[in-house]
């Protein structure tokens, strides 16, 4: 992406925060919207019952539903743009499993970054950066995503706490460059380790456990 284009989309918009916060408490109302959006949430509601893999599988299914509802709530507030993005979010979340990330976590990550930038290309690049940051600093993807989102609005305190020399007065692009220089390629590198392969095995098993028949 050209620098001018990235500059144009790096804007944080928190208008939909209330929609995200209320999603889990209004699941039934959101379910219809989620079904219409398809893509990222299609697998959650596609069939009538859960394969019986025990409580762990049921818990995973419940978590998946709640995560899907949050994603659907955010995309619904973005109108046609949100609907159009659902398939790409689905694809990106599935690809993240190969790096050992939970697909639900990845879907929420890229959705939040899409909400923040209003541009799927930028969200994709920033999501990759968040995954690299998560692996490099051994933090949750949700925390890494929050830190990246804060960086877009010039808040870099947490980056500094992680040992990355970001600057308060620098532009978002300048600080993105600093983070990339510090962590680029870490998600892929980790996925090739024994620990990374184990993470991939675990999240793949979780997907199977919440499958439908």
C-alpha atoms as a PDB file:
ATOM      1  CA  UNK A   1       0.000   0.000   0.000  1.00  0.00           C
ATOM      2  CA  UNK A   2       1.296   3.475  -0.877  1.00  0.00           C
ATOM      3  CA  UNK A   3       2.203   5.717   2.036  1.00  0.00           C
ATOM      4  CA  UNK A   4      -0.376   8.321   0.988  1.00  0.00           C
ATOM      5  CA  UNK A   5      -3.137   5.694   0.986  1.00  0.00           C
ATOM      6  CA  UNK A   6      -2.142   4.357   4.389  1.00  0.00           C
ATOM      7  CA  UNK A   7      -2.124   7.895   5.759  1.00  0.00           C
ATOM      8  CA  UNK A   8      -5.644   8.379   4.502  1.00  0.00           C
ATOM      9  CA  UNK A   9      -7.036   5.362   6.309  1.00  0.00           C
ATOM     10  CA  UNK A  10      -5.162   5.489   9.607  1.00  0.00           C
ATOM     11  CA  UNK A  11      -7.963   7.101  11.570  1.00  0.00           C
ATOM     12  CA  UNK A  12      -9.386   5.717  14.794  1.00  0.00           C
ATOM     13  CA  UNK A  13     -13.179   5.863  15.047  1.00  0.00           C
ATOM     14  CA  UNK A  14     -14.640   4.698  18.368  1.00  0.00           C
ATOM     15  CA  UNK A  15     -18.296   5.290  17.496  1.00  0.00           C
ATOM     16  CA  UNK A  16     -19.058   1.578  17.419  1.00  0.00           C
ATOM     17  CA  UNK A  17     -17.502   0.729  20.761  1.00  0.00           C
ATOM     18  CA  UNK A  18     -20.887   0.515  22.439  1.00  0.00           C
ATOM     19  CA  UNK A  19     -21.997  -1.992  19.821  1.00  0.00           C
ATOM     20  CA  UNK A  20     -19.038  -4.208  20.582  1.00  0.00           C
ATOM     21  CA  UNK A  21     -19.459  -3.921  24.336  1.00  0.00           C
ATOM     22  CA  UNK A  22     -23.129  -4.828  24.200  1.00  0.00           C
ATOM     23  CA  UNK A  23     -22.818  -7.690  21.718  1.00  0.00           C
ATOM     24  CA  UNK A  24     -22.465 -10.564  24.151  1.00  0.00           C
ATOM     25  CA  UNK A  25     -25.435  -9.335  26.184  1.00  0.00           C
ATOM     26  CA  UNK A  26     -27.707  -9.098  23.148  1.00  0.00           C
ATOM     27  CA  UNK A  27     -26.809 -12.312  21.386  1.00  0.00           C
ATOM     28  CA  UNK A  28     -30.293 -13.339  20.294  1.00  0.00           C
ATOM     29  CA  UNK A  29     -30.960  -9.958  18.656  1.00  0.00           C
ATOM     30  CA  UNK A  30     -27.581 -10.096  16.914  1.00  0.00           C
ATOM     31  CA  UNK A  31     -28.022 -13.657  15.714  1.00  0.00           C
ATOM     32  CA  UNK A  32     -30.274 -12.648  12.832  1.00  0.00           C
ATOM     33  CA  UNK A  33     -27.832  -9.982  11.719  1.00  0.00           C
ATOM     34  CA  UNK A  34     -24.969 -12.425  11.995  1.00  0.00           C
ATOM     35  CA  UNK A  35     -26.740 -14.938   9.780  1.00  0.00           C
ATOM     36  CA  UNK A  36     -27.309 -12.290   7.112  1.00  0.00           C
ATOM     37  CA  UNK A  37     -23.663 -11.208   7.132  1.00  0.00           C
ATOM     38  CA  UNK A  38     -22.386 -14.727   6.397  1.00  0.00           C
ATOM     39  CA  UNK A  39     -18.665 -15.253   5.774  1.00  0.00           C
ATOM     40  CA  UNK A  40     -16.914 -14.954   9.079  1.00  0.00           C
ATOM     41  CA  UNK A  41     -19.893 -16.218  11.071  1.00  0.00           C
ATOM     42  CA  UNK A  42     -21.342 -18.752   8.646  1.00  0.00           C
ATOM     43  CA  UNK A  43     -19.749 -21.763  10.323  1.00  0.00           C
ATOM     44  CA  UNK A  44     -21.102 -20.876  13.748  1.00  0.00           C
ATOM     45  CA  UNK A  45     -24.777 -21.098  12.827  1.00  0.00           C
ATOM     46  CA  UNK A  46     -24.619 -23.340   9.776  1.00  0.00           C
ATOM     47  CA  UNK A  47     -26.272 -26.395  11.321  1.00  0.00           C
ATOM     48  CA  UNK A  48     -28.622 -27.422  14.068  1.00  0.00           C
ATOM     49  CA  UNK A  49     -26.552 -29.227  16.643  1.00  0.00           C
ATOM     50  CA  UNK A  50     -23.079 -29.604  18.107  1.00  0.00           C
ATOM     51  CA  UNK A  51     -20.980 -32.734  17.746  1.00  0.00           C
ATOM     52  CA  UNK A  52     -20.709 -34.312  21.188  1.00  0.00           C
ATOM     53  CA  UNK A  53     -17.099 -33.872  22.236  1.00  0.00           C
ATOM     54  CA  UNK A  54     -17.858 -33.074  25.875  1.00  0.00           C
ATOM     55  CA  UNK A  55     -17.857 -29.926  27.960  1.00  0.00           C
ATOM     56  CA  UNK A  56     -14.651 -28.529  26.462  1.00  0.00           C
ATOM     57  CA  UNK A  57     -16.184 -28.652  23.005  1.00  0.00           C
ATOM     58  CA  UNK A  58     -19.407 -27.088  24.234  1.00  0.00           C
ATOM     59  CA  UNK A  59     -17.471 -24.287  25.920  1.00  0.00           C
ATOM     60  CA  UNK A  60     -15.542 -23.732  22.695  1.00  0.00           C
ATOM     61  CA  UNK A  61     -18.817 -23.550  20.795  1.00  0.00           C
ATOM     62  CA  UNK A  62     -20.259 -21.006  23.232  1.00  0.00           C
ATOM     63  CA  UNK A  63     -17.094 -18.909  22.968  1.00  0.00           C
ATOM     64  CA  UNK A  64     -17.295 -19.117  19.176  1.00  0.00           C
ATOM     65  CA  UNK A  65     -20.881 -17.892  19.201  1.00  0.00           C
ATOM     66  CA  UNK A  66     -20.030 -14.948  21.453  1.00  0.00           C
ATOM     67  CA  UNK A  67     -17.007 -14.045  19.318  1.00  0.00           C
ATOM     68  CA  UNK A  68     -19.053 -14.285  16.124  1.00  0.00           C
ATOM     69  CA  UNK A  69     -21.710 -12.043  17.644  1.00  0.00           C
ATOM     70  CA  UNK A  70     -19.122  -9.391  18.502  1.00  0.00           C
ATOM     71  CA  UNK A  71     -17.708  -9.489  14.977  1.00  0.00           C
ATOM     72  CA  UNK A  72     -21.195  -9.356  13.469  1.00  0.00           C
ATOM     73  CA  UNK A  73     -22.149  -6.401  15.690  1.00  0.00           C
ATOM     74  CA  UNK A  74     -19.151  -4.399  14.554  1.00  0.00           C
ATOM     75  CA  UNK A  75     -19.618  -5.201  10.874  1.00  0.00           C
ATOM     76  CA  UNK A  76     -23.343  -4.408  11.092  1.00  0.00           C
ATOM     77  CA  UNK A  77     -22.546  -0.854  12.227  1.00  0.00           C
ATOM     78  CA  UNK A  78     -20.411  -0.390   9.105  1.00  0.00           C
ATOM     79  CA  UNK A  79     -23.233  -0.989   6.653  1.00  0.00           C
ATOM     80  CA  UNK A  80     -22.514  -2.374   3.209  1.00  0.00           C
ATOM     81  CA  UNK A  81     -18.780  -1.996   3.746  1.00  0.00           C
ATOM     82  CA  UNK A  82     -19.027  -4.309   6.751  1.00  0.00           C
ATOM     83  CA  UNK A  83     -21.045  -6.898   4.863  1.00  0.00           C
ATOM     84  CA  UNK A  84     -18.557  -6.841   2.006  1.00  0.00           C
ATOM     85  CA  UNK A  85     -15.651  -7.407   4.416  1.00  0.00           C
ATOM     86  CA  UNK A  86     -17.081 -10.524   6.077  1.00  0.00           C
ATOM     87  CA  UNK A  87     -15.682 -13.003   3.568  1.00  0.00           C
ATOM     88  CA  UNK A  88     -12.182 -11.536   3.722  1.00  0.00           C
ATOM     89  CA  UNK A  89     -12.260 -11.585   7.527  1.00  0.00           C
ATOM     90  CA  UNK A  90     -13.232 -15.246   7.332  1.00  0.00           C
ATOM     91  CA  UNK A  91     -10.306 -15.966   5.021  1.00  0.00           C
ATOM     92  CA  UNK A  92      -7.800 -14.110   7.190  1.00  0.00           C
ATOM     93  CA  UNK A  93      -8.977 -15.774  10.390  1.00  0.00           C
ATOM     94  CA  UNK A  94      -8.655 -19.215   8.782  1.00  0.00           C
ATOM     95  CA  UNK A  95      -5.138 -18.385   7.599  1.00  0.00           C
ATOM     96  CA  UNK A  96      -4.164 -17.287  11.107  1.00  0.00           C
ATOM     97  CA  UNK A  97      -4.766 -20.834  12.376  1.00  0.00           C
ATOM     98  CA  UNK A  98      -1.712 -21.929  10.377  1.00  0.00           C
ATOM     99  CA  UNK A  99       0.306 -19.535  12.540  1.00  0.00           C
ATOM    100  CA  UNK A 100      -1.137 -21.030  15.721  1.00  0.00           C
ATOM    101  CA  UNK A 101      -3.696 -18.300  16.435  1.00  0.00           C
ATOM    102  CA  UNK A 102      -7.287 -19.078  17.321  1.00  0.00           C
ATOM    103  CA  UNK A 103      -9.500 -18.198  14.357  1.00  0.00           C
ATOM    104  CA  UNK A 104     -12.023 -16.388  16.570  1.00  0.00           C
ATOM    105  CA  UNK A 105      -9.287 -14.236  18.110  1.00  0.00           C
ATOM    106  CA  UNK A 106      -7.924 -13.475  14.646  1.00  0.00           C
ATOM    107  CA  UNK A 107     -11.380 -12.552  13.320  1.00  0.00           C
ATOM    108  CA  UNK A 108     -11.929 -10.138  16.197  1.00  0.00           C
ATOM    109  CA  UNK A 109      -8.466  -8.671  15.725  1.00  0.00           C
ATOM    110  CA  UNK A 110      -8.825  -7.887  12.048  1.00  0.00           C
ATOM    111  CA  UNK A 111     -12.391  -6.646  12.586  1.00  0.00           C
ATOM    112  CA  UNK A 112     -11.263  -4.150  15.210  1.00  0.00           C
ATOM    113  CA  UNK A 113      -8.488  -2.929  12.935  1.00  0.00           C
ATOM    114  CA  UNK A 114     -10.930  -2.677  10.035  1.00  0.00           C
ATOM    115  CA  UNK A 115     -13.206  -0.636  12.285  1.00  0.00           C
ATOM    116  CA  UNK A 116     -10.297   1.609  13.249  1.00  0.00           C
ATOM    117  CA  UNK A 117      -9.090   2.241   9.701  1.00  0.00           C
ATOM    118  CA  UNK A 118     -12.162   1.727   7.534  1.00  0.00           C
ATOM    119  CA  UNK A 119      -9.941  -0.031   5.011  1.00  0.00           C
ATOM    120  CA  UNK A 120      -9.500  -3.787   4.684  1.00  0.00           C
ATOM    121  CA  UNK A 121      -6.064  -3.571   3.074  1.00  0.00           C
ATOM    122  CA  UNK A 122      -4.756  -1.496   5.963  1.00  0.00           C
ATOM    123  CA  UNK A 123      -6.497  -3.765   8.490  1.00  0.00           C
ATOM    124  CA  UNK A 124      -4.872  -6.829   6.925  1.00  0.00           C
ATOM    125  CA  UNK A 125      -1.400  -5.318   7.155  1.00  0.00           C
ATOM    126  CA  UNK A 126      -1.956  -4.109  10.704  1.00  0.00           C
ATOM    127  CA  UNK A 127      -3.356  -7.481  11.744  1.00  0.00           C
ATOM    128  CA  UNK A 128      -0.190  -9.143  10.466  1.00  0.00           C
ATOM    129  CA  UNK A 129       1.790  -6.615  12.495  1.00  0.00           C
ATOM    130  CA  UNK A 130      -0.287  -7.392  15.599  1.00  0.00           C
ATOM    131  CA  UNK A 131       0.381 -11.125  15.153  1.00  0.00           C
ATOM    132  CA  UNK A 132       4.117 -10.468  14.838  1.00  0.00           C
ATOM    133  CA  UNK A 133       3.996  -8.272  17.947  1.00  0.00           C
ATOM    134  CA  UNK A 134       2.080 -10.918  19.884  1.00  0.00           C
ATOM    135  CA  UNK A 135       4.669 -13.595  19.111  1.00  0.00           C
ATOM    136  CA  UNK A 136       7.690 -11.358  19.587  1.00  0.00           C
ATOM    137  CA  UNK A 137       6.555 -10.117  22.994  1.00  0.00           C
ATOM    138  CA  UNK A 138       4.640 -13.250  24.082  1.00  0.00           C
ATOM    139  CA  UNK A 139       1.352 -11.474  24.628  1.00  0.00           C
ATOM    140  CA  UNK A 140      -2.222 -12.294  23.581  1.00  0.00           C
ATOM    141  CA  UNK A 141      -3.288 -11.273  20.090  1.00  0.00           C
ATOM    142  CA  UNK A 142      -6.093  -9.193  21.601  1.00  0.00           C
ATOM    143  CA  UNK A 143      -3.555  -7.216  23.639  1.00  0.00           C
ATOM    144  CA  UNK A 144      -1.292  -6.777  20.621  1.00  0.00           C
ATOM    145  CA  UNK A 145      -4.235  -5.558  18.556  1.00  0.00           C
ATOM    146  CA  UNK A 146      -5.219  -3.055  21.225  1.00  0.00           C
ATOM    147  CA  UNK A 147      -1.638  -1.750  21.361  1.00  0.00           C
ATOM    148  CA  UNK A 148      -1.505  -1.380  17.573  1.00  0.00           C
ATOM    149  CA  UNK A 149      -4.854   0.437  17.592  1.00  0.00           C
ATOM    150  CA  UNK A 150      -3.630   2.821  20.287  1.00  0.00           C
ATOM    151  CA  UNK A 151      -0.497   3.451  18.236  1.00  0.00           C
ATOM    152  CA  UNK A 152      -2.668   4.669  15.353  1.00  0.00           C
ATOM    153  CA  UNK A 153      -3.897   7.506  17.566  1.00  0.00           C
ATOM    154  CA  UNK A 154      -0.408   8.366  18.796  1.00  0.00           C
ATOM    155  CA  UNK A 155      -0.520   6.482  22.101  1.00  0.00           C
ATOM    156  CA  UNK A 156       2.699   4.516  22.399  1.00  0.00           C
ATOM    157  CA  UNK A 157       3.220   4.088  26.146  1.00  0.00           C
ATOM    158  CA  UNK A 158       2.559   0.347  26.027  1.00  0.00           C
ATOM    159  CA  UNK A 159       4.870  -0.106  23.055  1.00  0.00           C
ATOM    160  CA  UNK A 160       7.629   1.527  25.059  1.00  0.00           C
ATOM    161  CA  UNK A 161       6.876  -0.779  27.978  1.00  0.00           C
ATOM    162  CA  UNK A 162       7.458  -3.684  25.598  1.00  0.00           C
ATOM    163  CA  UNK A 163      10.874  -2.279  24.710  1.00  0.00           C
ATOM    164  CA  UNK A 164       9.988  -0.784  21.326  1.00  0.00           C
ATOM    165  CA  UNK A 165      11.290   2.740  20.838  1.00  0.00           C
ATOM    166  CA  UNK A 166       8.140   4.398  19.527  1.00  0.00           C
ATOM    167  CA  UNK A 167       7.719   8.168  19.886  1.00  0.00           C
ATOM    168  CA  UNK A 168       4.723  10.146  21.117  1.00  0.00           C
ATOM    169  CA  UNK A 169       5.255  12.925  18.586  1.00  0.00           C
ATOM    170  CA  UNK A 170       5.886  10.681  15.597  1.00  0.00           C
ATOM    171  CA  UNK A 171       3.318   9.896  12.925  1.00  0.00           C
ATOM    172  CA  UNK A 172       1.485   6.584  12.939  1.00  0.00           C
ATOM    173  CA  UNK A 173       3.430   5.531   9.858  1.00  0.00           C
ATOM    174  CA  UNK A 174       6.745   6.278  11.542  1.00  0.00           C
ATOM    175  CA  UNK A 175       5.823   4.223  14.593  1.00  0.00           C
ATOM    176  CA  UNK A 176       4.463   1.399  12.427  1.00  0.00           C
ATOM    177  CA  UNK A 177       7.885   1.325  10.785  1.00  0.00           C
ATOM    178  CA  UNK A 178       9.577   1.056  14.169  1.00  0.00           C
ATOM    179  CA  UNK A 179       7.345  -1.823  15.222  1.00  0.00           C
ATOM    180  CA  UNK A 180       7.856  -3.604  11.907  1.00  0.00           C
ATOM    181  CA  UNK A 181      11.613  -3.247  12.255  1.00  0.00           C
ATOM    182  CA  UNK A 182      11.433  -4.765  15.732  1.00  0.00           C
ATOM    183  CA  UNK A 183       9.052  -7.688  15.179  1.00  0.00           C
ATOM    184  CA  UNK A 184       8.610  -8.399  11.460  1.00  0.00           C
ATOM    185  CA  UNK A 185       8.382 -12.113  10.641  1.00  0.00           C
ATOM    186  CA  UNK A 186       7.990 -13.285  14.221  1.00  0.00           C
ATOM    187  CA  UNK A 187       4.577 -14.918  13.722  1.00  0.00           C
ATOM    188  CA  UNK A 188       5.842 -17.068  10.867  1.00  0.00           C
ATOM    189  CA  UNK A 189       9.070 -17.898  12.683  1.00  0.00           C
ATOM    190  CA  UNK A 190       7.202 -18.966  15.815  1.00  0.00           C
ATOM    191  CA  UNK A 191       4.825 -21.155  13.800  1.00  0.00           C
ATOM    192  CA  UNK A 192       7.813 -23.181  12.618  1.00  0.00           C
ATOM    193  CA  UNK A 193       8.983 -23.985  16.152  1.00  0.00           C
ATOM    194  CA  UNK A 194       7.803 -26.953  18.190  1.00  0.00           C
ATOM    195  CA  UNK A 195       5.788 -24.631  20.424  1.00  0.00           C
ATOM    196  CA  UNK A 196       4.210 -22.977  17.408  1.00  0.00           C
ATOM    197  CA  UNK A 197       3.280 -26.293  15.838  1.00  0.00           C
ATOM    198  CA  UNK A 198       1.703 -27.346  19.121  1.00  0.00           C
ATOM    199  CA  UNK A 199      -0.377 -24.151  19.172  1.00  0.00           C
ATOM    200  CA  UNK A 200      -1.543 -24.885  15.637  1.00  0.00           C
ATOM    201  CA  UNK A 201      -2.474 -28.429  16.674  1.00  0.00           C
ATOM    202  CA  UNK A 202      -4.433 -27.136  19.664  1.00  0.00           C
ATOM    203  CA  UNK A 203      -6.434 -24.501  17.777  1.00  0.00           C
ATOM    204  CA  UNK A 204      -7.132 -26.940  14.951  1.00  0.00           C
ATOM    205  CA  UNK A 205      -8.432 -29.438  17.503  1.00  0.00           C
ATOM    206  CA  UNK A 206     -10.627 -26.737  18.977  1.00  0.00           C
ATOM    207  CA  UNK A 207     -12.166 -26.153  15.555  1.00  0.00           C
ATOM    208  CA  UNK A 208     -12.925 -29.846  15.181  1.00  0.00           C
ATOM    209  CA  UNK A 209     -14.380 -30.001  18.678  1.00  0.00           C
ATOM    210  CA  UNK A 210     -16.967 -27.335  17.960  1.00  0.00           C
ATOM    211  CA  UNK A 211     -17.859 -28.702  14.527  1.00  0.00           C
ATOM    212  CA  UNK A 212     -21.469 -29.342  13.561  1.00  0.00           C
ATOM    213  CA  UNK A 213     -23.238 -32.296  11.971  1.00  0.00           C
END
